Amino acid sequence: MTKEDIKILLVDDEKHFVDTLAERLAMRGFAAQVAYDGPEALKAVEQPVDVIVLDLRMPGMDGFEVLRNVKKSNPLVQVIILTGHGGDAEEQTAYRMGAYNFLRKPMDIDELLGSIRLAYRDKLENTMVAVSLAQGGDFESARDILKENKLKDGSD
């Protein structure tokens, strides 16, 4: 796995914030697509996306509605909530709806990158399990492919 392999979508109605975040990710070698509202995000996920970094509070269609729609259409996409609003109740709701992680603004860029990497790795693992089940339960092959991807990443 290389940084370029991870297809990231950043969704936030605060244009300056999300553009700056995309730039900071690019400085670290990660390319990210940007959407400024819920409908734009749903349009963007018509193309392959691995990890979505999603704000909760947006006008029109909020992050929960985006999360619900994304998970319904593609449950393997990992969604990281990144919001400046919300407390424990919103966090619990997000996890119940299938969010991978819940981070609060302002966040440390390394924490976000770590969460993106882990979300991508889990997506790979979930995909391998799904493929192996579809091919008659060949878990050994799926595990070997996942292990090979981890070695390419240089992590354990």
N, C-alpha and C. Protein backbone atom coordinates (compact mmCIF):
# COMPACT_ATOMS: atom_id res chain seq x y z
N MET A 1 0.86 -1.18 0.00
CA MET A 1 0.00 0.00 0.00
C MET A 1 0.89 1.23 0.00
N THR A 2 0.61 2.14 -0.90
CA THR A 2 1.30 3.42 -0.90
C THR A 2 0.28 4.51 -0.60
N LYS A 3 0.79 5.66 -0.26
CA LYS A 3 -0.10 6.77 0.08
C LYS A 3 -1.03 7.09 -1.08
N GLU A 4 -0.50 6.97 -2.31
CA GLU A 4 -1.29 7.30 -3.49
C GLU A 4 -2.42 6.31 -3.72
N ASP A 5 -2.32 5.13 -3.15
CA ASP A 5 -3.36 4.12 -3.33
C ASP A 5 -4.66 4.46 -2.60
N ILE A 6 -4.56 5.24 -1.56
CA ILE A 6 -5.73 5.54 -0.73
C ILE A 6 -6.54 6.65 -1.38
N LYS A 7 -7.77 6.33 -1.74
CA LYS A 7 -8.66 7.33 -2.34
C LYS A 7 -9.45 8.00 -1.21
N ILE A 8 -9.11 9.27 -0.95
CA ILE A 8 -9.66 10.01 0.18
C ILE A 8 -10.62 11.08 -0.33
N LEU A 9 -11.74 11.20 0.35
CA LEU A 9 -12.69 12.28 0.07
C LEU A 9 -12.86 13.09 1.36
N LEU A 10 -12.62 14.40 1.28
CA LEU A 10 -12.82 15.31 2.41
C LEU A 10 -14.13 16.05 2.18
N VAL A 11 -15.01 16.04 3.19
CA VAL A 11 -16.32 16.69 3.05
C VAL A 11 -16.53 17.65 4.22
N ASP A 12 -16.64 18.94 3.88
CA ASP A 12 -16.86 19.96 4.90
C ASP A 12 -17.35 21.21 4.20
N ASP A 13 -18.33 21.89 4.78
CA ASP A 13 -18.84 23.11 4.16
C ASP A 13 -17.97 24.33 4.44
N GLU A 14 -16.99 24.20 5.32
CA GLU A 14 -16.05 25.29 5.58
C GLU A 14 -14.93 25.21 4.54
N LYS A 15 -15.12 25.94 3.45
CA LYS A 15 -14.23 25.85 2.28
C LYS A 15 -12.76 26.05 2.65
N HIS A 16 -12.46 27.08 3.42
CA HIS A 16 -11.06 27.35 3.77
C HIS A 16 -10.47 26.17 4.56
N PHE A 17 -11.22 25.64 5.51
CA PHE A 17 -10.74 24.53 6.33
C PHE A 17 -10.43 23.31 5.47
N VAL A 18 -11.39 22.90 4.63
CA VAL A 18 -11.22 21.67 3.87
C VAL A 18 -10.15 21.82 2.79
N ASP A 19 -10.03 22.99 2.19
CA ASP A 19 -8.97 23.22 1.21
C ASP A 19 -7.60 23.17 1.88
N THR A 20 -7.50 23.78 3.06
CA THR A 20 -6.24 23.76 3.81
C THR A 20 -5.90 22.33 4.24
N LEU A 21 -6.89 21.58 4.67
CA LEU A 21 -6.66 20.18 5.04
C LEU A 21 -6.16 19.38 3.85
N ALA A 22 -6.77 19.57 2.69
CA ALA A 22 -6.33 18.87 1.48
C ALA A 22 -4.87 19.22 1.16
N GLU A 23 -4.50 20.48 1.33
CA GLU A 23 -3.12 20.91 1.09
C GLU A 23 -2.16 20.25 2.08
N ARG A 24 -2.57 20.19 3.34
CA ARG A 24 -1.71 19.56 4.37
C ARG A 24 -1.53 18.07 4.09
N LEU A 25 -2.58 17.41 3.64
CA LEU A 25 -2.46 16.00 3.27
C LEU A 25 -1.53 15.84 2.07
N ALA A 26 -1.67 16.73 1.09
CA ALA A 26 -0.82 16.68 -0.11
C ALA A 26 0.65 16.85 0.25
N MET A 27 0.94 17.71 1.23
CA MET A 27 2.33 17.90 1.66
C MET A 27 2.90 16.62 2.26
N ARG A 28 2.03 15.74 2.71
CA ARG A 28 2.47 14.46 3.29
C ARG A 28 2.36 13.32 2.28
N GLY A 29 2.03 13.65 1.03
CA GLY A 29 1.98 12.63 -0.02
C GLY A 29 0.64 11.98 -0.23
N PHE A 30 -0.42 12.52 0.38
CA PHE A 30 -1.76 11.96 0.23
C PHE A 30 -2.60 12.88 -0.65
N ALA A 31 -3.17 12.34 -1.70
CA ALA A 31 -4.07 13.12 -2.55
C ALA A 31 -5.49 12.95 -2.03
N ALA A 32 -6.22 14.04 -2.00
CA ALA A 32 -7.61 13.98 -1.51
C ALA A 32 -8.51 14.79 -2.42
N GLN A 33 -9.67 14.23 -2.69
CA GLN A 33 -10.72 14.94 -3.40
C GLN A 33 -11.52 15.71 -2.35
N VAL A 34 -12.15 16.82 -2.75
CA VAL A 34 -12.87 17.67 -1.82
C VAL A 34 -14.32 17.83 -2.26
N ALA A 35 -15.24 17.78 -1.30
CA ALA A 35 -16.65 18.10 -1.53
C ALA A 35 -17.07 19.10 -0.45
N TYR A 36 -17.90 20.08 -0.83
CA TYR A 36 -18.25 21.16 0.09
C TYR A 36 -19.64 21.01 0.69
N ASP A 37 -20.37 19.95 0.34
CA ASP A 37 -21.68 19.71 0.95
C ASP A 37 -22.07 18.25 0.73
N GLY A 38 -23.19 17.87 1.35
CA GLY A 38 -23.64 16.49 1.28
C GLY A 38 -23.93 16.00 -0.13
N PRO A 39 -24.74 16.72 -0.92
CA PRO A 39 -25.03 16.25 -2.28
C PRO A 39 -23.77 16.10 -3.13
N GLU A 40 -22.83 17.02 -2.98
CA GLU A 40 -21.57 16.92 -3.72
C GLU A 40 -20.79 15.68 -3.27
N ALA A 41 -20.83 15.37 -1.99
CA ALA A 41 -20.16 14.18 -1.47
C ALA A 41 -20.77 12.92 -2.05
N LEU A 42 -22.11 12.85 -2.10
CA LEU A 42 -22.76 11.66 -2.64
C LEU A 42 -22.46 11.49 -4.12
N LYS A 43 -22.33 12.58 -4.83
CA LYS A 43 -21.94 12.52 -6.24
C LYS A 43 -20.51 11.99 -6.36
N ALA A 44 -19.62 12.46 -5.49
CA ALA A 44 -18.22 12.06 -5.53
C ALA A 44 -18.04 10.57 -5.25
N VAL A 45 -18.86 9.98 -4.39
CA VAL A 45 -18.70 8.57 -4.05
C VAL A 45 -19.27 7.64 -5.12
N GLU A 46 -19.77 8.22 -6.21
CA GLU A 46 -20.12 7.38 -7.36
C GLU A 46 -18.86 6.80 -7.98
N GLN A 47 -17.72 7.46 -7.74
CA GLN A 47 -16.41 6.95 -8.14
C GLN A 47 -15.82 6.23 -6.92
N PRO A 48 -14.85 5.33 -7.14
CA PRO A 48 -14.28 4.61 -6.00
C PRO A 48 -13.66 5.54 -4.95
N VAL A 49 -14.03 5.31 -3.71
CA VAL A 49 -13.49 6.05 -2.56
C VAL A 49 -13.20 5.02 -1.47
N ASP A 50 -12.06 5.17 -0.81
CA ASP A 50 -11.71 4.27 0.29
C ASP A 50 -12.09 4.84 1.64
N VAL A 51 -11.73 6.11 1.86
CA VAL A 51 -11.92 6.74 3.16
C VAL A 51 -12.54 8.12 2.96
N ILE A 52 -13.60 8.39 3.71
CA ILE A 52 -14.23 9.71 3.69
C ILE A 52 -13.99 10.36 5.05
N VAL A 53 -13.51 11.60 5.03
CA VAL A 53 -13.39 12.41 6.24
C VAL A 53 -14.54 13.40 6.16
N LEU A 54 -15.49 13.28 7.10
CA LEU A 54 -16.79 13.91 6.97
C LEU A 54 -17.15 14.78 8.17
N ASP A 55 -17.56 16.01 7.88
CA ASP A 55 -18.08 16.90 8.93
C ASP A 55 -19.54 16.53 9.19
N LEU A 56 -20.00 16.76 10.40
CA LEU A 56 -21.40 16.47 10.74
C LEU A 56 -22.34 17.60 10.39
N ARG A 57 -21.94 18.82 10.71
CA ARG A 57 -22.84 19.97 10.56
C ARG A 57 -22.58 20.66 9.22
N MET A 58 -23.52 20.47 8.33
CA MET A 58 -23.47 21.13 7.02
C MET A 58 -24.89 21.53 6.67
N PRO A 59 -25.05 22.65 5.99
CA PRO A 59 -26.41 23.07 5.61
C PRO A 59 -27.02 22.10 4.60
N GLY A 60 -28.33 21.98 4.65
CA GLY A 60 -29.03 21.10 3.71
C GLY A 60 -28.98 19.66 4.16
N MET A 61 -27.96 18.95 3.75
CA MET A 61 -27.79 17.54 4.10
C MET A 61 -26.65 17.42 5.10
N ASP A 62 -26.97 16.99 6.32
CA ASP A 62 -25.91 16.90 7.34
C ASP A 62 -25.08 15.63 7.16
N GLY A 63 -24.02 15.55 7.95
CA GLY A 63 -23.11 14.42 7.87
C GLY A 63 -23.74 13.08 8.18
N PHE A 64 -24.71 13.05 9.09
CA PHE A 64 -25.39 11.79 9.39
C PHE A 64 -26.13 11.25 8.17
N GLU A 65 -26.77 12.13 7.44
CA GLU A 65 -27.49 11.70 6.24
C GLU A 65 -26.51 11.20 5.17
N VAL A 66 -25.39 11.89 5.04
CA VAL A 66 -24.36 11.44 4.09
C VAL A 66 -23.85 10.07 4.52
N LEU A 67 -23.53 9.92 5.80
CA LEU A 67 -23.04 8.64 6.33
C LEU A 67 -24.04 7.52 6.06
N ARG A 68 -25.30 7.76 6.33
CA ARG A 68 -26.34 6.76 6.10
C ARG A 68 -26.38 6.33 4.62
N ASN A 69 -26.37 7.31 3.73
CA ASN A 69 -26.42 7.01 2.30
C ASN A 69 -25.18 6.28 1.80
N VAL A 70 -24.02 6.71 2.27
CA VAL A 70 -22.77 6.07 1.85
C VAL A 70 -22.74 4.62 2.32
N LYS A 71 -23.07 4.38 3.59
CA LYS A 71 -23.01 3.02 4.12
C LYS A 71 -24.05 2.10 3.48
N LYS A 72 -25.17 2.68 3.07
CA LYS A 72 -26.20 1.89 2.39
C LYS A 72 -25.72 1.47 1.00
N SER A 73 -25.08 2.38 0.29
CA SER A 73 -24.66 2.08 -1.08
C SER A 73 -23.32 1.35 -1.14
N ASN A 74 -22.43 1.58 -0.17
CA ASN A 74 -21.13 0.91 -0.18
C ASN A 74 -20.63 0.75 1.25
N PRO A 75 -21.02 -0.32 1.91
CA PRO A 75 -20.66 -0.49 3.32
C PRO A 75 -19.16 -0.64 3.59
N LEU A 76 -18.36 -0.93 2.56
CA LEU A 76 -16.92 -1.07 2.78
C LEU A 76 -16.18 0.26 2.86
N VAL A 77 -16.80 1.34 2.40
CA VAL A 77 -16.16 2.66 2.51
C VAL A 77 -16.05 3.01 4.00
N GLN A 78 -14.87 3.44 4.39
CA GLN A 78 -14.63 3.82 5.78
C GLN A 78 -14.90 5.32 5.93
N VAL A 79 -15.63 5.69 6.97
CA VAL A 79 -15.99 7.09 7.19
C VAL A 79 -15.44 7.53 8.54
N ILE A 80 -14.63 8.58 8.49
CA ILE A 80 -14.09 9.20 9.70
C ILE A 80 -14.82 10.52 9.89
N ILE A 81 -15.50 10.66 11.01
CA ILE A 81 -16.17 11.92 11.32
C ILE A 81 -15.12 12.87 11.88
N LEU A 82 -15.08 14.08 11.33
CA LEU A 82 -14.19 15.13 11.81
C LEU A 82 -15.04 16.38 11.97
N THR A 83 -15.36 16.71 13.22
CA THR A 83 -16.31 17.79 13.45
C THR A 83 -15.89 18.69 14.60
N GLY A 84 -16.32 19.90 14.55
CA GLY A 84 -16.11 20.84 15.64
C GLY A 84 -17.31 20.90 16.56
N HIS A 85 -18.34 20.16 16.21
CA HIS A 85 -19.59 20.16 16.97
C HIS A 85 -19.90 18.74 17.40
N GLY A 86 -20.71 18.65 18.39
CA GLY A 86 -21.18 17.32 18.80
C GLY A 86 -20.46 16.82 20.03
N GLY A 87 -21.21 16.07 20.78
CA GLY A 87 -20.69 15.49 22.00
C GLY A 87 -20.78 13.99 21.95
N ASP A 88 -20.90 13.41 23.13
CA ASP A 88 -20.93 11.96 23.25
C ASP A 88 -22.12 11.34 22.51
N ALA A 89 -23.27 11.99 22.54
CA ALA A 89 -24.45 11.43 21.87
C ALA A 89 -24.23 11.35 20.36
N GLU A 90 -23.65 12.40 19.77
CA GLU A 90 -23.38 12.38 18.34
C GLU A 90 -22.32 11.34 18.00
N GLU A 91 -21.33 11.22 18.86
CA GLU A 91 -20.28 10.23 18.64
C GLU A 91 -20.87 8.81 18.66
N GLN A 92 -21.70 8.52 19.65
CA GLN A 92 -22.32 7.19 19.72
C GLN A 92 -23.21 6.92 18.51
N THR A 93 -23.96 7.93 18.09
CA THR A 93 -24.81 7.78 16.90
C THR A 93 -23.96 7.49 15.68
N ALA A 94 -22.87 8.21 15.52
CA ALA A 94 -22.00 8.01 14.36
C ALA A 94 -21.45 6.58 14.33
N TYR A 95 -21.00 6.09 15.47
CA TYR A 95 -20.49 4.71 15.52
C TYR A 95 -21.59 3.69 15.22
N ARG A 96 -22.78 3.92 15.75
CA ARG A 96 -23.90 3.00 15.47
C ARG A 96 -24.25 2.98 13.98
N MET A 97 -24.03 4.10 13.32
CA MET A 97 -24.35 4.20 11.90
C MET A 97 -23.22 3.68 11.01
N GLY A 98 -22.11 3.29 11.62
CA GLY A 98 -21.03 2.68 10.85
C GLY A 98 -19.79 3.53 10.66
N ALA A 99 -19.68 4.65 11.36
CA ALA A 99 -18.46 5.46 11.26
C ALA A 99 -17.28 4.66 11.78
N TYR A 100 -16.14 4.85 11.16
CA TYR A 100 -14.92 4.16 11.58
C TYR A 100 -14.29 4.84 12.79
N ASN A 101 -14.29 6.17 12.78
CA ASN A 101 -13.69 6.92 13.88
C ASN A 101 -14.41 8.26 14.01
N PHE A 102 -14.26 8.88 15.16
CA PHE A 102 -14.89 10.16 15.45
C PHE A 102 -13.81 11.07 16.03
N LEU A 103 -13.42 12.09 15.28
CA LEU A 103 -12.39 13.02 15.71
C LEU A 103 -12.99 14.41 15.83
N ARG A 104 -12.44 15.20 16.73
CA ARG A 104 -12.94 16.55 16.94
C ARG A 104 -11.92 17.58 16.46
N LYS A 105 -12.43 18.65 15.86
CA LYS A 105 -11.59 19.79 15.47
C LYS A 105 -11.29 20.61 16.72
N PRO A 106 -10.16 21.24 16.81
CA PRO A 106 -9.02 21.06 15.92
C PRO A 106 -8.34 19.74 16.22
N MET A 107 -7.84 19.09 15.18
CA MET A 107 -7.21 17.78 15.36
C MET A 107 -5.75 17.88 14.96
N ASP A 108 -4.98 16.94 15.41
CA ASP A 108 -3.59 16.82 15.04
C ASP A 108 -3.54 16.10 13.69
N ILE A 109 -2.80 16.63 12.73
CA ILE A 109 -2.75 16.03 11.40
C ILE A 109 -2.22 14.60 11.44
N ASP A 110 -1.28 14.33 12.35
CA ASP A 110 -0.76 12.96 12.46
C ASP A 110 -1.82 12.00 12.97
N GLU A 111 -2.69 12.47 13.87
CA GLU A 111 -3.78 11.63 14.36
C GLU A 111 -4.75 11.31 13.21
N LEU A 112 -5.06 12.31 12.40
CA LEU A 112 -5.94 12.08 11.27
C LEU A 112 -5.31 11.13 10.26
N LEU A 113 -4.03 11.33 9.95
CA LEU A 113 -3.35 10.44 9.00
C LEU A 113 -3.29 9.01 9.52
N GLY A 114 -3.05 8.86 10.81
CA GLY A 114 -3.05 7.52 11.40
C GLY A 114 -4.41 6.86 11.27
N SER A 115 -5.46 7.62 11.51
CA SER A 115 -6.81 7.09 11.38
C SER A 115 -7.12 6.72 9.93
N ILE A 116 -6.68 7.55 8.99
CA ILE A 116 -6.90 7.24 7.57
C ILE A 116 -6.18 5.96 7.18
N ARG A 117 -4.94 5.81 7.61
CA ARG A 117 -4.17 4.59 7.29
C ARG A 117 -4.85 3.34 7.87
N LEU A 118 -5.26 3.42 9.13
CA LEU A 118 -5.91 2.27 9.76
C LEU A 118 -7.25 1.96 9.10
N ALA A 119 -8.00 2.99 8.76
CA ALA A 119 -9.28 2.79 8.09
C ALA A 119 -9.08 2.10 6.75
N TYR A 120 -8.07 2.53 6.02
CA TYR A 120 -7.78 1.92 4.71
C TYR A 120 -7.37 0.45 4.89
N ARG A 121 -6.50 0.21 5.86
CA ARG A 121 -6.06 -1.17 6.10
C ARG A 121 -7.26 -2.06 6.47
N ASP A 122 -8.15 -1.55 7.32
CA ASP A 122 -9.34 -2.33 7.68
C ASP A 122 -10.25 -2.55 6.48
N LYS A 123 -10.34 -1.54 5.60
CA LYS A 123 -11.14 -1.71 4.39
C LYS A 123 -10.55 -2.82 3.54
N LEU A 124 -9.24 -2.84 3.38
CA LEU A 124 -8.59 -3.92 2.62
C LEU A 124 -8.91 -5.28 3.23
N GLU A 125 -8.77 -5.35 4.54
CA GLU A 125 -9.03 -6.62 5.23
C GLU A 125 -10.49 -7.06 5.04
N ASN A 126 -11.42 -6.13 5.21
CA ASN A 126 -12.84 -6.46 5.02
C ASN A 126 -13.13 -6.88 3.59
N THR A 127 -12.49 -6.24 2.64
CA THR A 127 -12.66 -6.60 1.24
C THR A 127 -12.12 -8.01 0.98
N MET A 128 -10.96 -8.31 1.54
CA MET A 128 -10.37 -9.64 1.35
C MET A 128 -11.27 -10.73 1.94
N VAL A 129 -11.82 -10.46 3.09
CA VAL A 129 -12.73 -11.44 3.71
C VAL A 129 -13.97 -11.63 2.84
N ALA A 130 -14.53 -10.53 2.36
CA ALA A 130 -15.72 -10.62 1.50
C ALA A 130 -15.41 -11.39 0.22
N VAL A 131 -14.25 -11.13 -0.37
CA VAL A 131 -13.87 -11.83 -1.60
C VAL A 131 -13.66 -13.31 -1.31
N SER A 132 -12.99 -13.62 -0.22
CA SER A 132 -12.73 -15.03 0.09
C SER A 132 -14.03 -15.78 0.36
N LEU A 133 -14.99 -15.13 1.02
CA LEU A 133 -16.28 -15.77 1.25
C LEU A 133 -17.01 -16.01 -0.07
N ALA A 134 -16.93 -15.03 -0.96
CA ALA A 134 -17.58 -15.17 -2.27
C ALA A 134 -16.93 -16.27 -3.09
N GLN A 135 -15.65 -16.57 -2.82
CA GLN A 135 -14.95 -17.61 -3.57
C GLN A 135 -14.84 -18.91 -2.79
N GLY A 136 -15.78 -19.14 -1.92
CA GLY A 136 -15.85 -20.42 -1.23
C GLY A 136 -15.06 -20.50 0.06
N GLY A 137 -14.73 -19.38 0.65
CA GLY A 137 -14.08 -19.39 1.97
C GLY A 137 -12.59 -19.59 1.95
N ASP A 138 -11.88 -19.15 0.92
CA ASP A 138 -10.43 -19.28 0.83
C ASP A 138 -9.76 -18.17 1.65
N PHE A 139 -9.83 -18.32 2.98
CA PHE A 139 -9.30 -17.30 3.88
C PHE A 139 -7.77 -17.22 3.82
N GLU A 140 -7.10 -18.35 3.55
CA GLU A 140 -5.63 -18.35 3.49
C GLU A 140 -5.13 -17.41 2.40
N SER A 141 -5.73 -17.48 1.22
CA SER A 141 -5.33 -16.60 0.12
C SER A 141 -5.59 -15.15 0.48
N ALA A 142 -6.73 -14.87 1.08
CA ALA A 142 -7.06 -13.51 1.48
C ALA A 142 -6.06 -13.00 2.51
N ARG A 143 -5.70 -13.84 3.47
CA ARG A 143 -4.74 -13.44 4.50
C ARG A 143 -3.38 -13.18 3.88
N ASP A 144 -2.96 -14.03 2.91
CA ASP A 144 -1.68 -13.82 2.24
C ASP A 144 -1.64 -12.50 1.48
N ILE A 145 -2.73 -12.17 0.81
CA ILE A 145 -2.80 -10.91 0.06
C ILE A 145 -2.72 -9.74 1.03
N LEU A 146 -3.44 -9.82 2.14
CA LEU A 146 -3.42 -8.74 3.12
C LEU A 146 -2.02 -8.60 3.71
N LYS A 147 -1.38 -9.71 4.03
CA LYS A 147 -0.03 -9.67 4.60
C LYS A 147 0.93 -9.02 3.60
N GLU A 148 0.81 -9.35 2.33
CA GLU A 148 1.65 -8.76 1.29
C GLU A 148 1.45 -7.24 1.23
N ASN A 149 0.20 -6.79 1.34
CA ASN A 149 -0.08 -5.36 1.33
C ASN A 149 0.54 -4.67 2.55
N LYS A 150 0.49 -5.30 3.70
CA LYS A 150 1.09 -4.72 4.91
C LYS A 150 2.59 -4.60 4.75
N LEU A 151 3.24 -5.63 4.14
CA LEU A 151 4.68 -5.57 3.95
C LEU A 151 5.07 -4.44 3.02
N LYS A 152 4.28 -4.21 1.98
CA LYS A 152 4.54 -3.10 1.07
C LYS A 152 4.46 -1.77 1.79
N ASP A 153 3.58 -1.70 2.80
CA ASP A 153 3.39 -0.49 3.58
C ASP A 153 4.55 -0.26 4.55
N GLY A 154 5.28 -1.34 4.85
CA GLY A 154 6.38 -1.23 5.78
C GLY A 154 5.95 -1.28 7.23
N SER A 155 4.71 -1.71 7.49
CA SER A 155 4.22 -1.80 8.87
C SER A 155 3.90 -3.24 9.20
N ASP A 156 3.65 -3.49 10.48
CA ASP A 156 3.33 -4.85 10.93
C ASP A 156 1.85 -5.12 10.84
